[in-house]
Amino acid sequence: GVQTCALPIWRTNAIMLLVRALCAEGIELDGVRLGRIDGGGQDNAIARSATALLWCAPHRAEPLAEQLRAFMASASEDMVARDQKAFTFEARVGESEEIPGLRAYAPISAIMSQTILKALRNMPNGVLAMSQVLEDLVESSTNLGIIETHHDEVRLVSLTRSSKPGRSEE
């Protein structure tokens, strides 16, 4: 399996960054299955960390980890400049007995893994609208603050807020 982890970053949502990495062009996920994906801690706070546990054939693990490392290396150049804080990324490869807690999470089917990742990739996150009246004021935004895997269930908590009454329900 491959365990991935995106750790402290500033304004970039770590959950969304990890999903972006897993769905990026050049990341080969055929035959890869999601064991778990977790991140964030509060619905009203930008997730500062996220982890994913991936199952794959042993010969696929290291190439996948390298693809993810390469994606994150290129993403980190943008992150550091924009967020003014460094972030860390780790991709560990190991047999099932080498990764803590792995046995507690049976892999999700390949098709369901792809469906979950595509849904997350397409989920709105961040600024939805800026104020037309006050410069640099965010009027509406949404945040995927928590993602948790519990056995065969992935739970998402997202918060949408707006300074304009009724806008967050649209």
N, C-alpha and C. Protein backbone atom coordinates (compact mmCIF):
# COMPACT_ATOMS: atom_id res chain seq x y z
N GLY A 1 0.82 -1.19 0.00
CA GLY A 1 0.00 0.00 0.00
C GLY A 1 0.86 1.25 0.00
N VAL A 2 0.23 2.34 -0.29
CA VAL A 2 0.89 3.65 -0.27
C VAL A 2 0.10 4.53 0.67
N GLN A 3 0.78 5.15 1.60
CA GLN A 3 0.13 6.08 2.51
C GLN A 3 0.64 7.46 2.17
N THR A 4 -0.28 8.40 1.95
CA THR A 4 0.12 9.75 1.60
C THR A 4 -0.35 10.71 2.66
N CYS A 5 0.34 11.82 2.78
CA CYS A 5 0.00 12.77 3.83
C CYS A 5 0.43 14.17 3.41
N ALA A 6 -0.50 15.11 3.48
CA ALA A 6 -0.18 16.52 3.24
C ALA A 6 -0.31 17.21 4.58
N LEU A 7 0.74 17.83 5.06
CA LEU A 7 0.75 18.42 6.39
C LEU A 7 0.89 19.93 6.35
N PRO A 8 1.01 20.57 7.52
CA PRO A 8 0.72 21.99 7.67
C PRO A 8 1.00 22.91 6.49
N ILE A 9 -0.07 23.54 6.07
CA ILE A 9 -0.02 24.56 5.04
C ILE A 9 -0.89 25.70 5.54
N TRP A 10 -0.90 26.78 4.86
CA TRP A 10 -1.56 27.97 5.38
C TRP A 10 -2.98 28.11 4.88
N ARG A 11 -3.22 28.66 3.72
CA ARG A 11 -4.58 28.89 3.25
C ARG A 11 -5.09 27.83 2.28
N THR A 12 -4.23 27.05 1.74
CA THR A 12 -4.66 26.00 0.83
C THR A 12 -5.26 24.88 1.65
N ASN A 13 -6.42 24.38 1.22
CA ASN A 13 -7.09 23.30 1.92
C ASN A 13 -6.33 22.00 1.64
N ALA A 14 -5.78 21.39 2.68
CA ALA A 14 -4.96 20.19 2.54
C ALA A 14 -5.77 19.03 1.96
N ILE A 15 -7.05 18.94 2.31
CA ILE A 15 -7.89 17.87 1.75
C ILE A 15 -7.97 18.03 0.24
N MET A 16 -8.27 19.25 -0.19
CA MET A 16 -8.43 19.50 -1.62
C MET A 16 -7.10 19.34 -2.36
N LEU A 17 -6.00 19.71 -1.73
CA LEU A 17 -4.69 19.53 -2.35
C LEU A 17 -4.39 18.04 -2.52
N LEU A 18 -4.67 17.25 -1.51
CA LEU A 18 -4.43 15.81 -1.59
C LEU A 18 -5.30 15.19 -2.68
N VAL A 19 -6.55 15.58 -2.76
CA VAL A 19 -7.45 15.09 -3.81
C VAL A 19 -6.93 15.51 -5.18
N ARG A 20 -6.50 16.76 -5.29
CA ARG A 20 -5.94 17.25 -6.55
C ARG A 20 -4.74 16.41 -6.98
N ALA A 21 -3.89 16.05 -6.02
CA ALA A 21 -2.73 15.21 -6.31
C ALA A 21 -3.17 13.83 -6.79
N LEU A 22 -4.12 13.24 -6.10
CA LEU A 22 -4.57 11.89 -6.46
C LEU A 22 -5.29 11.85 -7.81
N CYS A 23 -5.84 12.98 -8.23
CA CYS A 23 -6.59 13.05 -9.49
C CYS A 23 -5.78 13.70 -10.61
N ALA A 24 -4.54 14.06 -10.35
CA ALA A 24 -3.74 14.81 -11.32
C ALA A 24 -3.39 13.97 -12.55
N GLU A 25 -3.21 14.68 -13.64
CA GLU A 25 -2.76 14.03 -14.87
C GLU A 25 -1.39 13.41 -14.60
N GLY A 26 -1.20 12.21 -15.06
CA GLY A 26 0.07 11.52 -14.84
C GLY A 26 0.09 10.64 -13.62
N ILE A 27 -0.92 10.74 -12.77
CA ILE A 27 -1.02 9.85 -11.60
C ILE A 27 -1.84 8.65 -12.04
N GLU A 28 -1.22 7.50 -12.06
CA GLU A 28 -1.86 6.28 -12.57
C GLU A 28 -2.54 5.54 -11.43
N LEU A 29 -3.89 5.59 -11.42
CA LEU A 29 -4.66 4.97 -10.35
C LEU A 29 -5.41 3.71 -10.78
N ASP A 30 -5.14 3.22 -11.98
CA ASP A 30 -5.79 1.96 -12.38
C ASP A 30 -5.36 0.86 -11.42
N GLY A 31 -6.35 0.19 -10.85
CA GLY A 31 -6.06 -0.89 -9.91
C GLY A 31 -5.75 -0.41 -8.50
N VAL A 32 -5.73 0.88 -8.28
CA VAL A 32 -5.46 1.43 -6.95
C VAL A 32 -6.79 1.61 -6.23
N ARG A 33 -6.81 1.23 -4.97
CA ARG A 33 -8.04 1.32 -4.19
C ARG A 33 -7.81 2.16 -2.94
N LEU A 34 -8.79 2.93 -2.62
CA LEU A 34 -8.74 3.80 -1.45
C LEU A 34 -9.04 2.97 -0.20
N GLY A 35 -8.19 3.07 0.80
CA GLY A 35 -8.45 2.40 2.08
C GLY A 35 -9.11 3.37 3.04
N ARG A 36 -8.64 4.59 3.01
CA ARG A 36 -9.22 5.65 3.84
C ARG A 36 -8.72 7.00 3.35
N ILE A 37 -9.49 8.02 3.67
CA ILE A 37 -9.08 9.39 3.42
C ILE A 37 -9.63 10.22 4.57
N ASP A 38 -8.76 10.94 5.24
CA ASP A 38 -9.14 11.72 6.42
C ASP A 38 -8.41 13.05 6.39
N GLY A 39 -9.05 14.06 6.97
CA GLY A 39 -8.39 15.36 7.06
C GLY A 39 -9.26 16.39 7.73
N GLY A 40 -8.63 17.49 8.06
CA GLY A 40 -9.34 18.58 8.70
C GLY A 40 -9.75 18.25 10.12
N GLY A 41 -10.48 19.19 10.72
CA GLY A 41 -10.90 18.98 12.10
C GLY A 41 -12.09 19.83 12.48
N GLN A 42 -12.33 20.90 11.73
CA GLN A 42 -13.45 21.78 12.01
C GLN A 42 -14.09 22.21 10.70
N ASP A 43 -15.42 22.29 10.70
CA ASP A 43 -16.10 22.67 9.46
C ASP A 43 -15.83 24.11 9.07
N ASN A 44 -15.54 24.96 10.05
CA ASN A 44 -15.34 26.39 9.76
C ASN A 44 -13.87 26.78 9.64
N ALA A 45 -12.99 25.80 9.53
CA ALA A 45 -11.55 26.08 9.40
C ALA A 45 -11.00 25.37 8.16
N ILE A 46 -10.08 26.01 7.49
CA ILE A 46 -9.42 25.39 6.34
C ILE A 46 -8.59 24.22 6.84
N ALA A 47 -8.78 23.06 6.23
CA ALA A 47 -8.05 21.85 6.64
C ALA A 47 -6.55 22.06 6.45
N ARG A 48 -5.81 21.85 7.52
CA ARG A 48 -4.36 22.02 7.48
C ARG A 48 -3.61 20.71 7.24
N SER A 49 -4.30 19.58 7.35
CA SER A 49 -3.65 18.31 7.08
C SER A 49 -4.67 17.32 6.53
N ALA A 50 -4.15 16.35 5.78
CA ALA A 50 -4.99 15.31 5.20
C ALA A 50 -4.13 14.08 4.93
N THR A 51 -4.74 12.92 5.03
CA THR A 51 -4.03 11.68 4.74
C THR A 51 -4.92 10.77 3.89
N ALA A 52 -4.28 9.97 3.09
CA ALA A 52 -4.98 8.95 2.32
C ALA A 52 -4.18 7.67 2.42
N LEU A 53 -4.89 6.57 2.49
CA LEU A 53 -4.27 5.26 2.51
C LEU A 53 -4.73 4.55 1.25
N LEU A 54 -3.80 4.17 0.40
CA LEU A 54 -4.11 3.56 -0.89
C LEU A 54 -3.62 2.12 -0.91
N TRP A 55 -4.41 1.25 -1.49
CA TRP A 55 -4.03 -0.14 -1.68
C TRP A 55 -3.68 -0.35 -3.15
N CYS A 56 -2.61 -1.05 -3.40
CA CYS A 56 -2.26 -1.39 -4.78
C CYS A 56 -1.32 -2.60 -4.76
N ALA A 57 -1.08 -3.16 -5.93
CA ALA A 57 -0.16 -4.28 -6.05
C ALA A 57 1.24 -3.80 -5.65
N PRO A 58 2.03 -4.66 -5.02
CA PRO A 58 3.37 -4.25 -4.55
C PRO A 58 4.24 -3.60 -5.62
N HIS A 59 4.19 -4.12 -6.85
CA HIS A 59 5.04 -3.55 -7.90
C HIS A 59 4.58 -2.16 -8.34
N ARG A 60 3.36 -1.75 -7.99
CA ARG A 60 2.82 -0.45 -8.37
C ARG A 60 3.09 0.62 -7.31
N ALA A 61 3.40 0.20 -6.08
CA ALA A 61 3.46 1.13 -4.96
C ALA A 61 4.54 2.20 -5.12
N GLU A 62 5.76 1.82 -5.38
CA GLU A 62 6.84 2.81 -5.47
C GLU A 62 6.66 3.75 -6.66
N PRO A 63 6.29 3.24 -7.86
CA PRO A 63 6.05 4.18 -8.96
C PRO A 63 4.93 5.18 -8.64
N LEU A 64 3.87 4.73 -7.99
CA LEU A 64 2.79 5.63 -7.60
C LEU A 64 3.27 6.67 -6.60
N ALA A 65 4.02 6.23 -5.61
CA ALA A 65 4.57 7.16 -4.62
C ALA A 65 5.46 8.20 -5.29
N GLU A 66 6.26 7.79 -6.27
CA GLU A 66 7.13 8.73 -6.99
C GLU A 66 6.31 9.73 -7.80
N GLN A 67 5.24 9.27 -8.44
CA GLN A 67 4.36 10.17 -9.19
C GLN A 67 3.76 11.23 -8.26
N LEU A 68 3.32 10.78 -7.08
CA LEU A 68 2.72 11.71 -6.11
C LEU A 68 3.76 12.70 -5.58
N ARG A 69 4.96 12.20 -5.30
CA ARG A 69 6.04 13.09 -4.83
C ARG A 69 6.36 14.16 -5.88
N ALA A 70 6.42 13.74 -7.13
CA ALA A 70 6.73 14.69 -8.21
C ALA A 70 5.63 15.75 -8.33
N PHE A 71 4.37 15.33 -8.24
CA PHE A 71 3.27 16.29 -8.31
C PHE A 71 3.38 17.29 -7.17
N MET A 72 3.60 16.80 -5.96
CA MET A 72 3.66 17.67 -4.80
C MET A 72 4.88 18.58 -4.84
N ALA A 73 5.98 18.12 -5.40
CA ALA A 73 7.17 18.97 -5.52
C ALA A 73 6.86 20.17 -6.41
N SER A 74 6.15 19.93 -7.52
CA SER A 74 5.80 21.06 -8.38
C SER A 74 4.74 21.94 -7.73
N ALA A 75 3.81 21.35 -7.01
CA ALA A 75 2.77 22.13 -6.33
C ALA A 75 3.38 22.97 -5.20
N SER A 76 4.42 22.46 -4.57
CA SER A 76 5.01 23.16 -3.42
C SER A 76 5.61 24.50 -3.82
N GLU A 77 6.10 24.61 -5.05
CA GLU A 77 6.66 25.89 -5.50
C GLU A 77 5.58 26.97 -5.49
N ASP A 78 4.40 26.62 -5.95
CA ASP A 78 3.27 27.56 -5.93
C ASP A 78 2.80 27.82 -4.50
N MET A 79 2.74 26.77 -3.69
CA MET A 79 2.24 26.89 -2.32
C MET A 79 3.08 27.86 -1.50
N VAL A 80 4.38 27.65 -1.53
CA VAL A 80 5.26 28.46 -0.71
C VAL A 80 5.15 29.93 -1.09
N ALA A 81 5.09 30.19 -2.38
CA ALA A 81 4.99 31.57 -2.83
C ALA A 81 3.65 32.19 -2.42
N ARG A 82 2.56 31.44 -2.60
CA ARG A 82 1.25 32.00 -2.35
C ARG A 82 0.91 32.02 -0.86
N ASP A 83 1.20 30.95 -0.16
CA ASP A 83 0.80 30.84 1.24
C ASP A 83 1.85 31.32 2.22
N GLN A 84 3.04 31.59 1.74
CA GLN A 84 4.13 32.11 2.55
C GLN A 84 4.50 31.21 3.72
N LYS A 85 4.12 29.94 3.62
CA LYS A 85 4.56 28.94 4.59
C LYS A 85 4.81 27.66 3.83
N ALA A 86 5.81 26.94 4.27
CA ALA A 86 6.11 25.67 3.61
C ALA A 86 5.10 24.61 4.03
N PHE A 87 4.93 23.63 3.21
CA PHE A 87 4.12 22.48 3.59
C PHE A 87 4.96 21.24 3.38
N THR A 88 4.54 20.17 4.01
CA THR A 88 5.28 18.93 3.86
C THR A 88 4.37 17.88 3.25
N PHE A 89 4.98 16.98 2.53
CA PHE A 89 4.26 15.87 1.92
C PHE A 89 5.10 14.63 2.09
N GLU A 90 4.44 13.55 2.40
CA GLU A 90 5.15 12.29 2.56
C GLU A 90 4.34 11.20 1.89
N ALA A 91 5.02 10.33 1.16
CA ALA A 91 4.40 9.14 0.59
C ALA A 91 5.22 7.95 1.06
N ARG A 92 4.62 7.14 1.91
CA ARG A 92 5.32 5.96 2.44
C ARG A 92 4.79 4.72 1.75
N VAL A 93 5.69 3.81 1.43
CA VAL A 93 5.34 2.55 0.78
C VAL A 93 5.64 1.44 1.77
N GLY A 94 4.72 0.50 1.88
CA GLY A 94 4.97 -0.62 2.77
C GLY A 94 3.98 -1.74 2.57
N GLU A 95 4.35 -2.88 3.05
CA GLU A 95 3.44 -4.02 3.06
C GLU A 95 2.38 -3.75 4.12
N SER A 96 1.28 -4.46 4.06
CA SER A 96 0.16 -4.19 4.95
C SER A 96 0.55 -4.23 6.43
N GLU A 97 1.46 -5.12 6.79
CA GLU A 97 1.85 -5.20 8.21
C GLU A 97 2.79 -4.07 8.63
N GLU A 98 3.32 -3.31 7.68
CA GLU A 98 4.26 -2.24 7.99
C GLU A 98 3.60 -0.88 8.20
N ILE A 99 2.36 -0.75 7.77
CA ILE A 99 1.68 0.55 7.88
C ILE A 99 0.67 0.47 9.02
N PRO A 100 0.85 1.30 10.07
CA PRO A 100 -0.03 1.25 11.23
C PRO A 100 -1.50 1.45 10.86
N GLY A 101 -2.35 0.60 11.41
CA GLY A 101 -3.79 0.73 11.23
C GLY A 101 -4.31 0.25 9.89
N LEU A 102 -3.44 -0.22 9.01
CA LEU A 102 -3.87 -0.61 7.68
C LEU A 102 -4.89 -1.73 7.70
N ARG A 103 -4.68 -2.72 8.53
CA ARG A 103 -5.59 -3.87 8.56
C ARG A 103 -7.01 -3.49 8.97
N ALA A 104 -7.16 -2.38 9.67
CA ALA A 104 -8.49 -1.95 10.11
C ALA A 104 -9.33 -1.41 8.96
N TYR A 105 -8.70 -1.14 7.81
CA TYR A 105 -9.41 -0.56 6.69
C TYR A 105 -9.26 -1.41 5.44
N ALA A 106 -10.31 -2.17 5.17
CA ALA A 106 -10.33 -2.94 3.94
C ALA A 106 -10.43 -1.96 2.78
N PRO A 107 -9.83 -2.29 1.66
CA PRO A 107 -9.89 -1.36 0.54
C PRO A 107 -11.30 -1.22 -0.02
N ILE A 108 -11.63 0.01 -0.41
CA ILE A 108 -12.89 0.29 -1.08
C ILE A 108 -12.73 -0.19 -2.52
N SER A 109 -13.78 -0.61 -3.15
CA SER A 109 -13.68 -1.10 -4.54
C SER A 109 -13.04 -0.03 -5.42
N ALA A 110 -12.40 -0.49 -6.49
CA ALA A 110 -11.71 0.43 -7.40
C ALA A 110 -12.69 1.45 -7.99
N ILE A 111 -13.87 1.00 -8.40
CA ILE A 111 -14.82 1.92 -9.02
C ILE A 111 -15.36 2.92 -8.00
N MET A 112 -15.60 2.48 -6.76
CA MET A 112 -16.06 3.40 -5.73
C MET A 112 -14.94 4.36 -5.34
N SER A 113 -13.71 3.90 -5.31
CA SER A 113 -12.56 4.77 -5.03
C SER A 113 -12.50 5.90 -6.05
N GLN A 114 -12.63 5.55 -7.33
CA GLN A 114 -12.61 6.55 -8.40
C GLN A 114 -13.78 7.52 -8.27
N THR A 115 -14.95 6.99 -7.92
CA THR A 115 -16.15 7.83 -7.77
C THR A 115 -15.97 8.82 -6.63
N ILE A 116 -15.44 8.38 -5.51
CA ILE A 116 -15.21 9.26 -4.36
C ILE A 116 -14.22 10.36 -4.73
N LEU A 117 -13.12 9.99 -5.35
CA LEU A 117 -12.11 10.99 -5.71
C LEU A 117 -12.63 11.99 -6.74
N LYS A 118 -13.39 11.52 -7.72
CA LYS A 118 -13.94 12.44 -8.73
C LYS A 118 -14.95 13.39 -8.09
N ALA A 119 -15.77 12.87 -7.18
CA ALA A 119 -16.75 13.73 -6.50
C ALA A 119 -16.03 14.79 -5.68
N LEU A 120 -14.99 14.40 -4.97
CA LEU A 120 -14.22 15.35 -4.17
C LEU A 120 -13.53 16.38 -5.06
N ARG A 121 -12.98 15.92 -6.18
CA ARG A 121 -12.29 16.83 -7.09
C ARG A 121 -13.23 17.91 -7.63
N ASN A 122 -14.48 17.54 -7.85
CA ASN A 122 -15.45 18.47 -8.43
C ASN A 122 -16.23 19.26 -7.39
N MET A 123 -15.95 19.03 -6.13
CA MET A 123 -16.66 19.73 -5.07
C MET A 123 -16.19 21.18 -4.99
N PRO A 124 -17.12 22.13 -4.92
CA PRO A 124 -16.69 23.53 -4.78
C PRO A 124 -16.00 23.74 -3.44
N ASN A 125 -14.98 24.55 -3.45
CA ASN A 125 -14.24 24.85 -2.23
C ASN A 125 -13.52 26.18 -2.42
N GLY A 126 -13.65 27.06 -1.46
CA GLY A 126 -12.97 28.34 -1.53
C GLY A 126 -13.95 29.48 -1.78
N VAL A 127 -13.44 30.56 -2.34
CA VAL A 127 -14.25 31.75 -2.59
C VAL A 127 -15.24 31.47 -3.72
N LEU A 128 -16.51 31.77 -3.45
CA LEU A 128 -17.56 31.62 -4.47
C LEU A 128 -17.91 32.97 -5.10
N ALA A 129 -17.86 34.04 -4.29
CA ALA A 129 -18.18 35.38 -4.81
C ALA A 129 -17.49 36.44 -3.97
N MET A 130 -17.04 37.48 -4.64
CA MET A 130 -16.45 38.64 -3.97
C MET A 130 -17.50 39.74 -3.93
N SER A 131 -17.39 40.61 -2.95
CA SER A 131 -18.32 41.72 -2.81
C SER A 131 -18.19 42.67 -3.99
N GLN A 132 -19.32 43.13 -4.47
CA GLN A 132 -19.35 44.13 -5.54
C GLN A 132 -19.28 45.54 -4.96
N VAL A 133 -19.39 45.63 -3.62
CA VAL A 133 -19.43 46.93 -2.95
C VAL A 133 -18.10 47.25 -2.26
N LEU A 134 -17.58 46.30 -1.49
CA LEU A 134 -16.33 46.52 -0.75
C LEU A 134 -15.18 45.75 -1.39
N GLU A 135 -14.13 46.44 -1.73
CA GLU A 135 -12.98 45.83 -2.37
C GLU A 135 -12.33 44.81 -1.44
N ASP A 136 -11.93 43.68 -2.00
CA ASP A 136 -11.23 42.60 -1.30
C ASP A 136 -12.05 41.92 -0.21
N LEU A 137 -13.37 42.07 -0.20
CA LEU A 137 -14.22 41.39 0.77
C LEU A 137 -14.83 40.15 0.13
N VAL A 138 -14.59 39.01 0.78
CA VAL A 138 -15.21 37.77 0.31
C VAL A 138 -16.67 37.82 0.72
N GLU A 139 -17.55 37.68 -0.25
CA GLU A 139 -18.98 37.71 0.02
C GLU A 139 -19.49 36.31 0.38
N SER A 140 -19.08 35.31 -0.39
CA SER A 140 -19.54 33.94 -0.17
C SER A 140 -18.38 32.97 -0.37
N SER A 141 -18.33 31.97 0.50
CA SER A 141 -17.29 30.95 0.37
C SER A 141 -17.80 29.62 0.91
N THR A 142 -17.11 28.58 0.53
CA THR A 142 -17.42 27.25 1.03
C THR A 142 -16.12 26.56 1.40
N ASN A 143 -16.19 25.67 2.37
CA ASN A 143 -14.99 25.03 2.88
C ASN A 143 -15.28 23.58 3.22
N LEU A 144 -14.52 22.67 2.61
CA LEU A 144 -14.55 21.27 3.02
C LEU A 144 -13.62 21.18 4.22
N GLY A 145 -14.21 21.18 5.41
CA GLY A 145 -13.42 21.25 6.63
C GLY A 145 -13.05 19.92 7.24
N ILE A 146 -13.85 18.89 6.96
CA ILE A 146 -13.60 17.58 7.56
C ILE A 146 -13.93 16.48 6.55
N ILE A 147 -13.05 15.50 6.49
CA ILE A 147 -13.35 14.26 5.77
C ILE A 147 -12.88 13.13 6.68
N GLU A 148 -13.74 12.14 6.87
CA GLU A 148 -13.42 11.02 7.76
C GLU A 148 -13.90 9.73 7.14
N THR A 149 -13.09 8.70 7.26
CA THR A 149 -13.47 7.37 6.80
C THR A 149 -13.79 6.51 8.01
N HIS A 150 -14.95 5.91 7.98
CA HIS A 150 -15.37 4.97 9.03
C HIS A 150 -15.78 3.69 8.33
N HIS A 151 -14.87 2.72 8.31
CA HIS A 151 -15.09 1.43 7.67
C HIS A 151 -15.53 1.60 6.22
N ASP A 152 -16.81 1.43 5.89
CA ASP A 152 -17.23 1.52 4.49
C ASP A 152 -17.95 2.83 4.18
N GLU A 153 -17.67 3.85 4.97
CA GLU A 153 -18.36 5.13 4.81
C GLU A 153 -17.36 6.27 4.84
N VAL A 154 -17.52 7.22 3.91
CA VAL A 154 -16.71 8.43 3.91
C VAL A 154 -17.64 9.58 4.23
N ARG A 155 -17.34 10.31 5.31
CA ARG A 155 -18.18 11.40 5.79
C ARG A 155 -17.49 12.73 5.49
N LEU A 156 -18.24 13.66 4.88
CA LEU A 156 -17.73 14.98 4.55
C LEU A 156 -18.50 16.03 5.34
N VAL A 157 -17.79 17.04 5.83
CA VAL A 157 -18.45 18.17 6.47
C VAL A 157 -17.95 19.43 5.76
N SER A 158 -18.89 20.12 5.12
CA SER A 158 -18.57 21.32 4.37
C SER A 158 -19.42 22.46 4.90
N LEU A 159 -18.86 23.64 4.98
CA LEU A 159 -19.57 24.81 5.48
C LEU A 159 -19.56 25.89 4.41
N THR A 160 -20.75 26.38 4.08
CA THR A 160 -20.88 27.50 3.15
C THR A 160 -21.37 28.70 3.94
N ARG A 161 -20.73 29.83 3.72
CA ARG A 161 -21.14 31.04 4.45
C ARG A 161 -21.11 32.24 3.52
N SER A 162 -21.90 33.24 3.91
CA SER A 162 -21.99 34.43 3.08
C SER A 162 -22.35 35.63 3.95
N SER A 163 -21.82 36.78 3.56
CA SER A 163 -22.18 38.03 4.26
C SER A 163 -23.47 38.60 3.69
N LYS A 164 -23.96 38.01 2.64
CA LYS A 164 -25.20 38.48 2.01
C LYS A 164 -26.32 37.50 2.40
N PRO A 165 -27.36 37.98 3.06
CA PRO A 165 -28.44 37.10 3.51
C PRO A 165 -29.04 36.27 2.36
N GLY A 166 -29.23 34.97 2.64
CA GLY A 166 -29.82 34.06 1.66
C GLY A 166 -28.86 33.53 0.63
N ARG A 167 -27.68 34.10 0.49
CA ARG A 167 -26.73 33.70 -0.55
C ARG A 167 -26.17 32.29 -0.31
N SER A 168 -25.98 31.89 0.95
CA SER A 168 -25.38 30.59 1.24
C SER A 168 -26.33 29.44 0.94
N GLU A 169 -27.61 29.71 0.74
CA GLU A 169 -28.56 28.64 0.41
C GLU A 169 -28.66 28.40 -1.09
N GLU A 170 -28.07 29.27 -1.92
CA GLU A 170 -28.19 29.13 -3.38
C GLU A 170 -27.44 27.95 -3.89
